[in-house]
PDB file of N, CA and C in Angstrom:
ATOM      1  N   MET A   1      35.425 -27.370   1.855  1.00  0.00           N
ATOM      2  CA  MET A   1      34.137 -27.051   2.416  1.00  0.00           C
ATOM      3  C   MET A   1      33.853 -27.977   3.583  1.00  0.00           C
ATOM      4  N   GLY A   2      33.333 -27.384   4.664  1.00  0.00           N
ATOM      5  CA  GLY A   2      32.988 -28.185   5.828  1.00  0.00           C
ATOM      6  C   GLY A   2      31.608 -28.793   5.693  1.00  0.00           C
ATOM      7  N   GLN A   3      31.283 -29.600   6.622  1.00  0.00           N
ATOM      8  CA  GLN A   3      29.989 -30.268   6.575  1.00  0.00           C
ATOM      9  C   GLN A   3      28.842 -29.340   6.950  1.00  0.00           C
ATOM     10  N   GLU A   4      29.147 -28.201   7.549  1.00  0.00           N
ATOM     11  CA  GLU A   4      28.122 -27.240   7.946  1.00  0.00           C
ATOM     12  C   GLU A   4      27.740 -26.291   6.798  1.00  0.00           C
ATOM     13  N   PHE A   5      28.408 -26.402   5.687  1.00  0.00           N
ATOM     14  CA  PHE A   5      28.175 -25.507   4.558  1.00  0.00           C
ATOM     15  C   PHE A   5      26.822 -25.800   3.899  1.00  0.00           C
ATOM     16  N   LYS A   6      26.030 -24.731   3.668  1.00  0.00           N
ATOM     17  CA  LYS A   6      24.744 -24.865   2.986  1.00  0.00           C
ATOM     18  C   LYS A   6      24.589 -23.706   2.009  1.00  0.00           C
ATOM     19  N   PHE A   7      23.970 -23.995   0.915  1.00  0.00           N
ATOM     20  CA  PHE A   7      23.625 -22.940  -0.028  1.00  0.00           C
ATOM     21  C   PHE A   7      22.360 -22.246   0.448  1.00  0.00           C
ATOM     22  N   LYS A   8      22.152 -21.012   0.015  1.00  0.00           N
ATOM     23  CA  LYS A   8      20.934 -20.272   0.372  1.00  0.00           C
ATOM     24  C   LYS A   8      19.684 -21.012  -0.099  1.00  0.00           C
ATOM     25  N   ILE A   9      19.761 -21.665  -1.234  1.00  0.00           N
ATOM     26  CA  ILE A   9      18.602 -22.396  -1.749  1.00  0.00           C
ATOM     27  C   ILE A   9      18.224 -23.547  -0.812  1.00  0.00           C
ATOM     28  N   ASP A  10      19.245 -24.167  -0.197  1.00  0.00           N
ATOM     29  CA  ASP A  10      18.960 -25.231   0.769  1.00  0.00           C
ATOM     30  C   ASP A  10      18.259 -24.676   2.002  1.00  0.00           C
ATOM     31  N   GLU A  11      18.712 -23.491   2.467  1.00  0.00           N
ATOM     32  CA  GLU A  11      18.072 -22.863   3.624  1.00  0.00           C
ATOM     33  C   GLU A  11      16.630 -22.495   3.299  1.00  0.00           C
ATOM     34  N   MET A  12      16.388 -22.028   2.079  1.00  0.00           N
ATOM     35  CA  MET A  12      15.026 -21.666   1.691  1.00  0.00           C
ATOM     36  C   MET A  12      14.132 -22.893   1.614  1.00  0.00           C
ATOM     37  N   ARG A  13      14.666 -23.994   1.145  1.00  0.00           N
ATOM     38  CA  ARG A  13      13.885 -25.232   1.093  1.00  0.00           C
ATOM     39  C   ARG A  13      13.513 -25.713   2.496  1.00  0.00           C
ATOM     40  N   GLU A  14      14.398 -25.445   3.447  1.00  0.00           N
ATOM     41  CA  GLU A  14      14.132 -25.831   4.828  1.00  0.00           C
ATOM     42  C   GLU A  14      13.256 -24.806   5.546  1.00  0.00           C
ATOM     43  N   ASN A  15      12.850 -23.765   4.838  1.00  0.00           N
ATOM     44  CA  ASN A  15      12.051 -22.672   5.387  1.00  0.00           C
ATOM     45  C   ASN A  15      12.792 -21.959   6.508  1.00  0.00           C
ATOM     46  N   ASN A  16      14.086 -21.797   6.345  1.00  0.00           N
ATOM     47  CA  ASN A  16      14.902 -21.079   7.311  1.00  0.00           C
ATOM     48  C   ASN A  16      15.945 -20.259   6.542  1.00  0.00           C
ATOM     49  N   PRO A  17      15.515 -19.202   5.832  1.00  0.00           N
ATOM     50  CA  PRO A  17      16.448 -18.442   4.989  1.00  0.00           C
ATOM     51  C   PRO A  17      17.334 -17.495   5.794  1.00  0.00           C
ATOM     52  N   GLY A  18      18.170 -18.031   6.619  1.00  0.00           N
ATOM     53  CA  GLY A  18      19.065 -17.216   7.434  1.00  0.00           C
ATOM     54  C   GLY A  18      18.639 -17.251   8.877  1.00  0.00           C
ATOM     55  N   LYS A  19      19.610 -17.349   9.736  1.00  0.00           N
ATOM     56  CA  LYS A  19      19.293 -17.485  11.156  1.00  0.00           C
ATOM     57  C   LYS A  19      19.146 -16.144  11.846  1.00  0.00           C
ATOM     58  N   GLN A  20      19.691 -15.092  11.254  1.00  0.00           N
ATOM     59  CA  GLN A  20      19.602 -13.781  11.874  1.00  0.00           C
ATOM     60  C   GLN A  20      18.378 -13.043  11.362  1.00  0.00           C
ATOM     61  N   GLN A  21      17.700 -12.406  12.278  1.00  0.00           N
ATOM     62  CA  GLN A  21      16.532 -11.623  11.895  1.00  0.00           C
ATOM     63  C   GLN A  21      16.993 -10.274  11.356  1.00  0.00           C
ATOM     64  N   GLN A  22      16.449  -9.862  10.227  1.00  0.00           N
ATOM     65  CA  GLN A  22      16.810  -8.592   9.612  1.00  0.00           C
ATOM     66  C   GLN A  22      15.880  -7.502  10.126  1.00  0.00           C
ATOM     67  N   ILE A  23      16.421  -6.542  10.847  1.00  0.00           N
ATOM     68  CA  ILE A  23      15.641  -5.404  11.329  1.00  0.00           C
ATOM     69  C   ILE A  23      16.408  -4.127  10.999  1.00  0.00           C
ATOM     70  N   TYR A  24      15.675  -3.055  10.893  1.00  0.00           N
ATOM     71  CA  TYR A  24      16.294  -1.765  10.653  1.00  0.00           C
ATOM     72  C   TYR A  24      16.728  -1.165  11.981  1.00  0.00           C
ATOM     73  N   ALA A  25      17.931  -0.654  12.019  1.00  0.00           N
ATOM     74  CA  ALA A  25      18.460  -0.081  13.256  1.00  0.00           C
ATOM     75  C   ALA A  25      17.832   1.274  13.566  1.00  0.00           C
ATOM     76  N   GLY A  26      17.472   2.019  12.548  1.00  0.00           N
ATOM     77  CA  GLY A  26      16.922   3.354  12.759  1.00  0.00           C
ATOM     78  C   GLY A  26      15.720   3.595  11.885  1.00  0.00           C
ATOM     79  N   GLU A  27      15.371   4.857  11.773  1.00  0.00           N
ATOM     80  CA  GLU A  27      14.229   5.213  10.947  1.00  0.00           C
ATOM     81  C   GLU A  27      14.562   5.029   9.472  1.00  0.00           C
ATOM     82  N   SER A  28      13.532   4.806   8.697  1.00  0.00           N
ATOM     83  CA  SER A  28      13.732   4.658   7.262  1.00  0.00           C
ATOM     84  C   SER A  28      13.778   6.028   6.596  1.00  0.00           C
ATOM     85  N   HIS A  29      13.994   6.030   5.315  1.00  0.00           N
ATOM     86  CA  HIS A  29      14.049   7.275   4.563  1.00  0.00           C
ATOM     87  C   HIS A  29      12.682   7.688   4.038  1.00  0.00           C
ATOM     88  N   VAL A  30      11.653   6.977   4.453  1.00  0.00           N
ATOM     89  CA  VAL A  30      10.294   7.318   4.046  1.00  0.00           C
ATOM     90  C   VAL A  30       9.872   8.566   4.800  1.00  0.00           C
ATOM     91  N   ARG A  31       9.316   9.517   4.094  1.00  0.00           N
ATOM     92  CA  ARG A  31       8.862  10.757   4.726  1.00  0.00           C
ATOM     93  C   ARG A  31       7.357  10.857   4.608  1.00  0.00           C
ATOM     94  N   ASN A  32       6.705  10.995   5.749  1.00  0.00           N
ATOM     95  CA  ASN A  32       5.259  11.142   5.816  1.00  0.00           C
ATOM     96  C   ASN A  32       4.927  12.432   6.530  1.00  0.00           C
ATOM     97  N   VAL A  33       3.734  12.923   6.293  1.00  0.00           N
ATOM     98  CA  VAL A  33       3.206  14.055   7.039  1.00  0.00           C
ATOM     99  C   VAL A  33       1.858  13.623   7.597  1.00  0.00           C
ATOM    100  N   CYS A  34       1.645  13.900   8.890  1.00  0.00           N
ATOM    101  CA  CYS A  34       0.410  13.514   9.563  1.00  0.00           C
ATOM    102  C   CYS A  34      -0.407  14.773   9.848  1.00  0.00           C
ATOM    103  N   PHE A  35      -1.650  14.775   9.409  1.00  0.00           N
ATOM    104  CA  PHE A  35      -2.559  15.893   9.632  1.00  0.00           C
ATOM    105  C   PHE A  35      -3.480  15.522  10.787  1.00  0.00           C
ATOM    106  N   VAL A  36      -3.447  16.316  11.856  1.00  0.00           N
ATOM    107  CA  VAL A  36      -4.240  16.054  13.058  1.00  0.00           C
ATOM    108  C   VAL A  36      -5.302  17.139  13.164  1.00  0.00           C
ATOM    109  N   GLN A  37      -6.561  16.747  13.004  1.00  0.00           N
ATOM    110  CA  GLN A  37      -7.651  17.698  13.068  1.00  0.00           C
ATOM    111  C   GLN A  37      -8.021  17.987  14.514  1.00  0.00           C
ATOM    112  N   SER A  38      -8.755  19.045  14.741  1.00  0.00           N
ATOM    113  CA  SER A  38      -9.098  19.458  16.104  1.00  0.00           C
ATOM    114  C   SER A  38      -9.990  18.452  16.822  1.00  0.00           C
ATOM    115  N   ASP A  39     -10.706  17.598  16.078  1.00  0.00           N
ATOM    116  CA  ASP A  39     -11.550  16.579  16.718  1.00  0.00           C
ATOM    117  C   ASP A  39     -10.788  15.278  16.987  1.00  0.00           C
ATOM    118  N   GLY A  40      -9.486  15.269  16.689  1.00  0.00           N
ATOM    119  CA  GLY A  40      -8.658  14.102  16.972  1.00  0.00           C
ATOM    120  C   GLY A  40      -8.443  13.177  15.798  1.00  0.00           C
ATOM    121  N   LYS A  41      -9.143  13.381  14.692  1.00  0.00           N
ATOM    122  CA  LYS A  41      -8.936  12.539  13.506  1.00  0.00           C
ATOM    123  C   LYS A  41      -7.546  12.809  12.944  1.00  0.00           C
ATOM    124  N   MET A  42      -6.899  11.729  12.508  1.00  0.00           N
ATOM    125  CA  MET A  42      -5.558  11.858  11.951  1.00  0.00           C
ATOM    126  C   MET A  42      -5.472  11.143  10.600  1.00  0.00           C
ATOM    127  N   LEU A  43      -4.669  11.695   9.729  1.00  0.00           N
ATOM    128  CA  LEU A  43      -4.406  11.101   8.424  1.00  0.00           C
ATOM    129  C   LEU A  43      -2.952  11.378   8.099  1.00  0.00           C
ATOM    130  N   PHE A  44      -2.201  10.317   7.729  1.00  0.00           N
ATOM    131  CA  PHE A  44      -0.854  10.580   7.258  1.00  0.00           C
ATOM    132  C   PHE A  44      -0.769  10.237   5.786  1.00  0.00           C
ATOM    133  N   LEU A  45       0.016  11.023   5.079  1.00  0.00           N
ATOM    134  CA  LEU A  45       0.240  10.843   3.653  1.00  0.00           C
ATOM    135  C   LEU A  45       1.737  10.901   3.393  1.00  0.00           C
ATOM    136  N   ASN A  46       2.166  10.188   2.380  1.00  0.00           N
ATOM    137  CA  ASN A  46       3.570  10.131   2.030  1.00  0.00           C
ATOM    138  C   ASN A  46       3.925  11.313   1.140  1.00  0.00           C
ATOM    139  N   TYR A  47       5.054  11.935   1.443  1.00  0.00           N
ATOM    140  CA  TYR A  47       5.509  13.060   0.619  1.00  0.00           C
ATOM    141  C   TYR A  47       5.774  12.641  -0.824  1.00  0.00           C
ATOM    142  N   GLY A  48       6.043  11.374  -1.059  1.00  0.00           N
ATOM    143  CA  GLY A  48       6.281  10.910  -2.419  1.00  0.00           C
ATOM    144  C   GLY A  48       5.074  11.090  -3.322  1.00  0.00           C
ATOM    145  N   TYR A  49       3.888  11.218  -2.713  1.00  0.00           N
ATOM    146  CA  TYR A  49       2.658  11.382  -3.484  1.00  0.00           C
ATOM    147  C   TYR A  49       2.150  12.828  -3.484  1.00  0.00           C
ATOM    148  N   LEU A  50       2.954  13.744  -2.979  1.00  0.00           N
ATOM    149  CA  LEU A  50       2.615  15.162  -3.035  1.00  0.00           C
ATOM    150  C   LEU A  50       2.930  15.664  -4.435  1.00  0.00           C
ATOM    151  N   VAL A  51       1.886  16.034  -5.162  1.00  0.00           N
ATOM    152  CA  VAL A  51       2.035  16.436  -6.563  1.00  0.00           C
ATOM    153  C   VAL A  51       2.296  17.926  -6.678  1.00  0.00           C
ATOM    154  N   SER A  52       1.526  18.728  -5.945  1.00  0.00           N
ATOM    155  CA  SER A  52       1.716  20.176  -6.014  1.00  0.00           C
ATOM    156  C   SER A  52       1.137  20.826  -4.765  1.00  0.00           C
ATOM    157  N   GLY A  53       1.519  22.068  -4.565  1.00  0.00           N
ATOM    158  CA  GLY A  53       1.012  22.845  -3.439  1.00  0.00           C
ATOM    159  C   GLY A  53       0.824  24.286  -3.850  1.00  0.00           C
ATOM    160  N   GLU A  54      -0.179  24.911  -3.255  1.00  0.00           N
ATOM    161  CA  GLU A  54      -0.475  26.317  -3.551  1.00  0.00           C
ATOM    162  C   GLU A  54      -0.546  27.083  -2.241  1.00  0.00           C
ATOM    163  N   TYR A  55       0.050  28.251  -2.228  1.00  0.00           N
ATOM    164  CA  TYR A  55      -0.086  29.158  -1.097  1.00  0.00           C
ATOM    165  C   TYR A  55      -0.937  30.330  -1.559  1.00  0.00           C
ATOM    166  N   LEU A  56      -2.059  30.545  -0.903  1.00  0.00           N
ATOM    167  CA  LEU A  56      -2.978  31.622  -1.260  1.00  0.00           C
ATOM    168  C   LEU A  56      -3.036  32.616  -0.095  1.00  0.00           C
ATOM    169  N   PRO A  57      -2.137  33.617  -0.087  1.00  0.00           N
ATOM    170  CA  PRO A  57      -2.055  34.531   1.055  1.00  0.00           C
ATOM    171  C   PRO A  57      -3.308  35.374   1.262  1.00  0.00           C
ATOM    172  N   ASP A  58      -4.011  35.718   0.180  1.00  0.00           N
ATOM    173  CA  ASP A  58      -5.227  36.522   0.322  1.00  0.00           C
ATOM    174  C   ASP A  58      -6.331  35.764   1.048  1.00  0.00           C
ATOM    175  N   GLU A  59      -6.307  34.440   0.934  1.00  0.00           N
ATOM    176  CA  GLU A  59      -7.314  33.613   1.588  1.00  0.00           C
ATOM    177  C   GLU A  59      -6.770  32.933   2.848  1.00  0.00           C
ATOM    178  N   SER A  60      -5.517  33.179   3.181  1.00  0.00           N
ATOM    179  CA  SER A  60      -4.838  32.566   4.334  1.00  0.00           C
ATOM    180  C   SER A  60      -4.975  31.053   4.316  1.00  0.00           C
ATOM    181  N   LYS A  61      -4.581  30.445   3.188  1.00  0.00           N
ATOM    182  CA  LYS A  61      -4.666  28.995   3.114  1.00  0.00           C
ATOM    183  C   LYS A  61      -3.600  28.417   2.197  1.00  0.00           C
ATOM    184  N   ILE A  62      -3.326  27.139   2.453  1.00  0.00           N
ATOM    185  CA  ILE A  62      -2.423  26.332   1.643  1.00  0.00           C
ATOM    186  C   ILE A  62      -3.242  25.158   1.130  1.00  0.00           C
ATOM    187  N   VAL A  63      -3.119  24.861  -0.156  1.00  0.00           N
ATOM    188  CA  VAL A  63      -3.801  23.711  -0.744  1.00  0.00           C
ATOM    189  C   VAL A  63      -2.720  22.753  -1.236  1.00  0.00           C
ATOM    190  N   LEU A  64      -2.761  21.525  -0.710  1.00  0.00           N
ATOM    191  CA  LEU A  64      -1.796  20.493  -1.077  1.00  0.00           C
ATOM    192  C   LEU A  64      -2.511  19.417  -1.877  1.00  0.00           C
ATOM    193  N   HIS A  65      -1.983  19.108  -3.042  1.00  0.00           N
ATOM    194  CA  HIS A  65      -2.586  18.107  -3.917  1.00  0.00           C
ATOM    195  C   HIS A  65      -1.733  16.838  -3.889  1.00  0.00           C
ATOM    196  N   PHE A  66      -2.233  15.815  -3.231  1.00  0.00           N
ATOM    197  CA  PHE A  66      -1.620  14.494  -3.246  1.00  0.00           C
ATOM    198  C   PHE A  66      -2.334  13.674  -4.321  1.00  0.00           C
ATOM    199  N   THR A  67      -1.816  12.512  -4.661  1.00  0.00           N
ATOM    200  CA  THR A  67      -2.451  11.706  -5.697  1.00  0.00           C
ATOM    201  C   THR A  67      -3.807  11.164  -5.254  1.00  0.00           C
ATOM    202  N   SER A  68      -4.018  11.006  -3.954  1.00  0.00           N
ATOM    203  CA  SER A  68      -5.269  10.428  -3.468  1.00  0.00           C
ATOM    204  C   SER A  68      -6.131  11.404  -2.677  1.00  0.00           C
ATOM    205  N   HIS A  69      -5.573  12.517  -2.227  1.00  0.00           N
ATOM    206  CA  HIS A  69      -6.294  13.464  -1.386  1.00  0.00           C
ATOM    207  C   HIS A  69      -5.911  14.901  -1.753  1.00  0.00           C
ATOM    208  N   THR A  70      -6.798  15.808  -1.418  1.00  0.00           N
ATOM    209  CA  THR A  70      -6.492  17.232  -1.446  1.00  0.00           C
ATOM    210  C   THR A  70      -6.649  17.732  -0.020  1.00  0.00           C
ATOM    211  N   ILE A  71      -5.616  18.371   0.494  1.00  0.00           N
ATOM    212  CA  ILE A  71      -5.606  18.887   1.859  1.00  0.00           C
ATOM    213  C   ILE A  71      -5.605  20.404   1.785  1.00  0.00           C
ATOM    214  N   THR A  72      -6.549  21.022   2.493  1.00  0.00           N
ATOM    215  CA  THR A  72      -6.605  22.474   2.564  1.00  0.00           C
ATOM    216  C   THR A  72      -6.353  22.882   4.005  1.00  0.00           C
ATOM    217  N   LEU A  73      -5.351  23.732   4.197  1.00  0.00           N
ATOM    218  CA  LEU A  73      -4.993  24.229   5.522  1.00  0.00           C
ATOM    219  C   LEU A  73      -5.342  25.702   5.588  1.00  0.00           C
ATOM    220  N   LYS A  74      -6.086  26.076   6.603  1.00  0.00           N
ATOM    221  CA  LYS A  74      -6.429  27.480   6.809  1.00  0.00           C
ATOM    222  C   LYS A  74      -5.835  27.921   8.135  1.00  0.00           C
ATOM    223  N   GLY A  75      -5.301  29.147   8.160  1.00  0.00           N
ATOM    224  CA  GLY A  75      -4.694  29.636   9.387  1.00  0.00           C
ATOM    225  C   GLY A  75      -4.027  30.973   9.186  1.00  0.00           C
ATOM    226  N   THR A  76      -3.029  31.229  10.021  1.00  0.00           N
ATOM    227  CA  THR A  76      -2.310  32.504   9.968  1.00  0.00           C
ATOM    228  C   THR A  76      -0.816  32.258   9.797  1.00  0.00           C
ATOM    229  N   LYS A  77      -0.140  33.220   9.186  1.00  0.00           N
ATOM    230  CA  LYS A  77       1.308  33.178   8.957  1.00  0.00           C
ATOM    231  C   LYS A  77       1.740  31.879   8.274  1.00  0.00           C
ATOM    232  N   LEU A  78       1.106  31.522   7.188  1.00  0.00           N
ATOM    233  CA  LEU A  78       1.314  30.227   6.541  1.00  0.00           C
ATOM    234  C   LEU A  78       2.471  30.191   5.544  1.00  0.00           C
ATOM    235  N   GLU A  79       3.078  31.316   5.245  1.00  0.00           N
ATOM    236  CA  GLU A  79       4.149  31.315   4.252  1.00  0.00           C
ATOM    237  C   GLU A  79       5.331  30.454   4.702  1.00  0.00           C
ATOM    238  N   THR A  80       5.682  30.526   5.973  1.00  0.00           N
ATOM    239  CA  THR A  80       6.772  29.697   6.493  1.00  0.00           C
ATOM    240  C   THR A  80       6.439  28.221   6.361  1.00  0.00           C
ATOM    241  N   LEU A  81       5.220  27.846   6.691  1.00  0.00           N
ATOM    242  CA  LEU A  81       4.794  26.456   6.568  1.00  0.00           C
ATOM    243  C   LEU A  81       4.845  26.007   5.108  1.00  0.00           C
ATOM    244  N   TYR A  82       4.433  26.857   4.207  1.00  0.00           N
ATOM    245  CA  TYR A  82       4.484  26.524   2.778  1.00  0.00           C
ATOM    246  C   TYR A  82       5.925  26.227   2.347  1.00  0.00           C
ATOM    247  N   GLN A  83       6.864  27.059   2.789  1.00  0.00           N
ATOM    248  CA  GLN A  83       8.273  26.830   2.459  1.00  0.00           C
ATOM    249  C   GLN A  83       8.775  25.515   3.051  1.00  0.00           C
ATOM    250  N   GLU A  84       8.290  25.150   4.246  1.00  0.00           N
ATOM    251  CA  GLU A  84       8.674  23.888   4.870  1.00  0.00           C
ATOM    252  C   GLU A  84       8.109  22.698   4.089  1.00  0.00           C
ATOM    253  N   PHE A  85       6.894  22.827   3.577  1.00  0.00           N
ATOM    254  CA  PHE A  85       6.328  21.765   2.745  1.00  0.00           C
ATOM    255  C   PHE A  85       7.141  21.586   1.469  1.00  0.00           C
ATOM    256  N   PHE A  86       7.648  22.674   0.955  1.00  0.00           N
ATOM    257  CA  PHE A  86       8.461  22.622  -0.254  1.00  0.00           C
ATOM    258  C   PHE A  86       9.684  21.734  -0.049  1.00  0.00           C
ATOM    259  N   SER A  87      10.196  21.695   1.169  1.00  0.00           N
ATOM    260  CA  SER A  87      11.372  20.888   1.502  1.00  0.00           C
ATOM    261  C   SER A  87      11.029  19.592   2.234  1.00  0.00           C
ATOM    262  N   HIS A  88       9.751  19.259   2.343  1.00  0.00           N
ATOM    263  CA  HIS A  88       9.291  18.031   3.008  1.00  0.00           C
ATOM    264  C   HIS A  88       9.718  17.974   4.473  1.00  0.00           C
ATOM    265  N   ILE A  89       9.603  19.067   5.181  1.00  0.00           N
ATOM    266  CA  ILE A  89      10.057  19.122   6.568  1.00  0.00           C
ATOM    267  C   ILE A  89       8.974  18.751   7.582  1.00  0.00           C
ATOM    268  N   PRO A  90       7.749  19.283   7.497  1.00  0.00           N
ATOM    269  CA  PRO A  90       6.778  19.016   8.570  1.00  0.00           C
ATOM    270  C   PRO A  90       6.418  17.533   8.687  1.00  0.00           C
ATOM    271  N   ARG A  91       6.368  17.058   9.925  1.00  0.00           N
ATOM    272  CA  ARG A  91       5.931  15.681  10.187  1.00  0.00           C
ATOM    273  C   ARG A  91       4.507  15.663  10.711  1.00  0.00           C
ATOM    274  N   TYR A  92       4.156  16.643  11.530  1.00  0.00           N
ATOM    275  CA  TYR A  92       2.808  16.737  12.091  1.00  0.00           C
ATOM    276  C   TYR A  92       2.269  18.133  11.858  1.00  0.00           C
ATOM    277  N   ILE A  93       1.038  18.193  11.384  1.00  0.00           N
ATOM    278  CA  ILE A  93       0.332  19.459  11.242  1.00  0.00           C
ATOM    279  C   ILE A  93      -0.878  19.370  12.159  1.00  0.00           C
ATOM    280  N   LEU A  94      -0.905  20.218  13.167  1.00  0.00           N
ATOM    281  CA  LEU A  94      -1.946  20.175  14.188  1.00  0.00           C
ATOM    282  C   LEU A  94      -2.893  21.356  14.033  1.00  0.00           C
ATOM    283  N   ALA A  95      -4.178  21.070  13.993  1.00  0.00           N
ATOM    284  CA  ALA A  95      -5.180  22.139  13.966  1.00  0.00           C
ATOM    285  C   ALA A  95      -5.451  22.571  15.393  1.00  0.00           C
ATOM    286  N   THR A  96      -5.452  23.881  15.618  1.00  0.00           N
ATOM    287  CA  THR A  96      -5.757  24.425  16.937  1.00  0.00           C
ATOM    288  C   THR A  96      -6.954  25.350  16.837  1.00  0.00           C
ATOM    289  N   ASN A  97      -7.522  25.647  17.957  1.00  0.00           N
ATOM    290  CA  ASN A  97      -8.658  26.546  18.008  1.00  0.00           C
ATOM    291  C   ASN A  97      -8.210  27.948  17.589  1.00  0.00           C
ATOM    292  N   GLU A  98      -9.040  28.628  16.813  1.00  0.00           N
ATOM    293  CA  GLU A  98      -8.686  29.963  16.303  1.00  0.00           C
ATOM    294  C   GLU A  98      -8.403  30.967  17.406  1.00  0.00           C
ATOM    295  N   ARG A  99      -9.015  30.803  18.561  1.00  0.00           N
ATOM    296  CA  ARG A  99      -8.812  31.789  19.630  1.00  0.00           C
ATOM    297  C   ARG A  99      -7.383  31.775  20.153  1.00  0.00           C
ATOM    298  N   TYR A 100      -6.613  30.688  19.877  1.00  0.00           N
ATOM    299  CA  TYR A 100      -5.238  30.622  20.319  1.00  0.00           C
ATOM    300  C   TYR A 100      -4.265  31.182  19.291  1.00  0.00           C
ATOM    301  N   SER A 101      -4.742  31.617  18.157  1.00  0.00           N
ATOM    302  CA  SER A 101      -3.852  32.127  17.114  1.00  0.00           C
ATOM    303  C   SER A 101      -3.165  33.420  17.529  1.00  0.00           C
ATOM    304  N   GLU A 102      -3.790  34.212  18.363  1.00  0.00           N
ATOM    305  CA  GLU A 102      -3.173  35.454  18.827  1.00  0.00           C
ATOM    306  C   GLU A 102      -2.070  35.194  19.842  1.00  0.00           C
ATOM    307  N   VAL A 103      -2.139  34.083  20.540  1.00  0.00           N
ATOM    308  CA  VAL A 103      -1.126  33.749  21.530  1.00  0.00           C
ATOM    309  C   VAL A 103       0.188  33.391  20.843  1.00  0.00           C
ATOM    310  N   GLU A 104       0.110  32.644  19.754  1.00  0.00           N
ATOM    311  CA  GLU A 104       1.285  32.212  18.993  1.00  0.00           C
ATOM    312  C   GLU A 104       1.639  33.276  17.965  1.00  0.00           C
ATOM    313  N   LYS A 105       2.317  34.310  18.363  1.00  0.00           N
ATOM    314  CA  LYS A 105       2.618  35.413  17.456  1.00  0.00           C
ATOM    315  C   LYS A 105       3.829  35.142  16.571  1.00  0.00           C
ATOM    316  N   SER A 106       4.724  34.239  16.991  1.00  0.00           N
ATOM    317  CA  SER A 106       5.967  34.060  16.253  1.00  0.00           C
ATOM    318  C   SER A 106       5.900  32.979  15.182  1.00  0.00           C
ATOM    319  N   THR A 107       4.905  32.121  15.220  1.00  0.00           N
ATOM    320  CA  THR A 107       4.854  31.006  14.279  1.00  0.00           C
ATOM    321  C   THR A 107       3.463  30.908  13.660  1.00  0.00           C
ATOM    322  N   TYR A 108       3.340  30.041  12.705  1.00  0.00           N
ATOM    323  CA  TYR A 108       2.053  29.846  12.046  1.00  0.00           C
ATOM    324  C   TYR A 108       1.093  29.074  12.959  1.00  0.00           C
ATOM    325  N   THR A 109      -0.189  29.247  12.695  1.00  0.00           N
ATOM    326  CA  THR A 109      -1.209  28.439  13.368  1.00  0.00           C
ATOM    327  C   THR A 109      -2.190  27.938  12.308  1.00  0.00           C
ATOM    328  N   ILE A 110      -2.633  26.714  12.511  1.00  0.00           N
ATOM    329  CA  ILE A 110      -3.606  26.094  11.612  1.00  0.00           C
ATOM    330  C   ILE A 110      -4.928  26.058  12.352  1.00  0.00           C
ATOM    331  N   SER A 111      -5.931  26.707  11.795  1.00  0.00           N
ATOM    332  CA  SER A 111      -7.241  26.724  12.435  1.00  0.00           C
ATOM    333  C   SER A 111      -8.185  25.666  11.856  1.00  0.00           C
ATOM    334  N   GLU A 112      -7.910  25.228  10.631  1.00  0.00           N
ATOM    335  CA  GLU A 112      -8.797  24.251   9.993  1.00  0.00           C
ATOM    336  C   GLU A 112      -8.027  23.400   9.001  1.00  0.00           C
ATOM    337  N   ILE A 113      -8.310  22.107   9.017  1.00  0.00           N
ATOM    338  CA  ILE A 113      -7.747  21.174   8.043  1.00  0.00           C
ATOM    339  C   ILE A 113      -8.913  20.493   7.336  1.00  0.00           C
ATOM    340  N   GLN A 114      -8.980  20.700   6.031  1.00  0.00           N
ATOM    341  CA  GLN A 114     -10.019  20.046   5.226  1.00  0.00           C
ATOM    342  C   GLN A 114      -9.368  18.937   4.408  1.00  0.00           C
ATOM    343  N   VAL A 115      -9.941  17.746   4.496  1.00  0.00           N
ATOM    344  CA  VAL A 115      -9.441  16.586   3.765  1.00  0.00           C
ATOM    345  C   VAL A 115     -10.471  16.173   2.749  1.00  0.00           C
ATOM    346  N   SER A 116     -10.069  16.097   1.495  1.00  0.00           N
ATOM    347  CA  SER A 116     -10.965  15.633   0.423  1.00  0.00           C
ATOM    348  C   SER A 116     -10.290  14.494  -0.314  1.00  0.00           C
ATOM    349  N   LYS A 117     -11.025  13.384  -0.455  1.00  0.00           N
ATOM    350  CA  LYS A 117     -10.505  12.266  -1.241  1.00  0.00           C
ATOM    351  C   LYS A 117     -10.755  12.554  -2.713  1.00  0.00           C
ATOM    352  N   ILE A 118      -9.816  12.150  -3.523  1.00  0.00           N
ATOM    353  CA  ILE A 118      -9.959  12.351  -4.976  1.00  0.00           C
ATOM    354  C   ILE A 118     -10.584  11.113  -5.575  1.00  0.00           C
TER     355      ILE A 118
END
């Protein structure tokens, strides 16, 4: 052993537990979804706390039950979005004005996001 040899406990006592800074090179495996309301308010929730979801086609809405919040999404063509939630795919859900729902004929549109704390 050379004279430069130190145990980790010695480094910790010196308040220098390693000379290299530990950083993540890329994104983590944490999956969140951010709900952006039409007035600019934003809330992100972790998919790990998504307990259940309901698609109600007759009412054109999706209800997502997280452990701390209930999110209700109202809009058009929501079945595709519901399937994406099932696989934890969406990262951002943006509410748009209802008058633009006719312009977006190929995809879903969210006209209202209701957030309720449990």
